[in-house]
Amino acid sequence: MFTVQMEKECGCFKKSDFQNNMQFESKDDALMQAIEMTKDMNEEFCRKHEFSVAEEGNVFKIRVEERGRTGCCGGGHCS
């Protein structure tokens, strides 16, 4: 079994029709679902967060980061 798991359920995710911890028999089906969810959330949600997919064993974890802080520690010296 393969799982698509939301790392942290933001408000937009909770209000959406998406489900957390969805189970799939096929790795390809799970990956395609995670990619599609990530794409939809990045385009349709409030844009406060940015979503990405990371594979961790049999889990495709959808990660959540604040927009504009990706790859930056937030200390003000990265820009």
Protein backbone atom coordinates (compact mmCIF):
# COMPACT_ATOMS: atom_id res chain seq x y z
CA MET A 1 0.00 0.00 0.00
CA PHE A 2 1.06 3.55 -0.75
CA THR A 3 -0.17 6.61 1.11
CA VAL A 4 -0.64 10.24 0.12
CA GLN A 5 -0.23 12.19 3.34
CA MET A 6 -0.64 15.89 4.00
CA GLU A 7 2.19 16.99 6.30
CA LYS A 8 0.17 19.76 7.95
CA GLU A 9 -3.49 20.47 7.29
CA CYS A 10 -3.78 24.22 6.70
CA GLY A 11 -7.15 25.96 6.83
CA CYS A 12 -7.62 25.80 3.07
CA PHE A 13 -6.97 22.06 3.09
CA LYS A 14 -9.51 21.51 5.88
CA LYS A 15 -12.15 23.47 3.91
CA SER A 16 -11.41 21.60 0.67
CA ASP A 17 -12.73 18.26 -0.57
CA PHE A 18 -9.25 16.73 -0.32
CA GLN A 19 -8.64 13.88 2.11
CA ASN A 20 -5.53 13.15 4.14
CA ASN A 21 -3.84 9.73 4.31
CA MET A 22 -5.37 8.33 1.12
CA GLN A 23 -4.33 4.73 0.40
CA PHE A 24 -3.44 3.31 -3.03
CA GLU A 25 -2.46 -0.15 -4.24
CA SER A 26 -0.25 1.31 -6.97
CA LYS A 27 2.78 3.52 -6.42
CA ASP A 28 2.07 5.29 -9.71
CA ASP A 29 -1.53 6.04 -8.69
CA ALA A 30 -0.39 7.46 -5.35
CA LEU A 31 2.28 9.61 -6.97
CA MET A 32 -0.13 10.92 -9.61
CA GLN A 33 -2.68 11.78 -6.91
CA ALA A 34 -0.04 13.61 -4.82
CA ILE A 35 1.18 15.58 -7.83
CA GLU A 36 -2.36 16.52 -8.88
CA MET A 37 -3.29 17.59 -5.34
CA THR A 38 -0.13 19.68 -5.04
CA LYS A 39 -0.77 21.36 -8.39
CA ASP A 40 -4.39 22.13 -7.49
CA MET A 41 -3.51 23.44 -4.02
CA ASN A 42 -0.76 25.72 -5.39
CA GLU A 43 -3.18 27.14 -7.97
CA GLU A 44 -6.47 27.26 -6.05
CA PHE A 45 -5.72 27.79 -2.35
CA CYS A 46 -5.20 31.24 -0.75
CA ARG A 47 -1.53 31.31 -1.83
CA LYS A 48 -0.25 31.79 1.72
CA HIS A 49 1.49 28.40 1.46
CA GLU A 50 3.44 26.52 -1.17
CA PHE A 51 3.00 22.77 -1.51
CA SER A 52 5.48 20.16 -2.75
CA VAL A 53 5.71 16.35 -2.83
CA ALA A 54 8.41 14.27 -1.16
CA GLU A 55 8.67 10.47 -1.32
CA GLU A 56 9.39 8.80 2.02
CA GLY A 57 9.29 5.03 1.59
CA ASN A 58 5.68 4.09 0.78
CA VAL A 59 4.42 7.58 1.66
CA PHE A 60 4.12 10.54 -0.69
CA LYS A 61 4.15 13.42 1.75
CA ILE A 62 2.76 16.78 0.68
CA ARG A 63 4.90 19.38 2.39
CA VAL A 64 3.69 22.84 3.34
CA GLU A 65 5.87 25.96 3.46
CA GLU A 66 5.02 29.63 3.71
CA ARG A 67 5.33 31.32 0.33
CA GLY A 68 8.42 33.46 -0.05
CA ARG A 69 10.30 31.56 2.64
CA THR A 70 11.28 28.53 0.55
CA GLY A 71 14.99 27.91 0.93
CA CYS A 72 15.42 30.88 3.22
CA CYS A 73 15.93 30.90 6.97
CA GLY A 74 13.94 34.11 7.34
CA GLY A 75 16.83 36.02 8.93
CA GLY A 76 16.79 38.71 6.23
CA HIS A 77 20.25 37.98 4.86
CA CYS A 78 19.29 35.61 2.03
CA SER A 79 18.09 38.28 -0.38
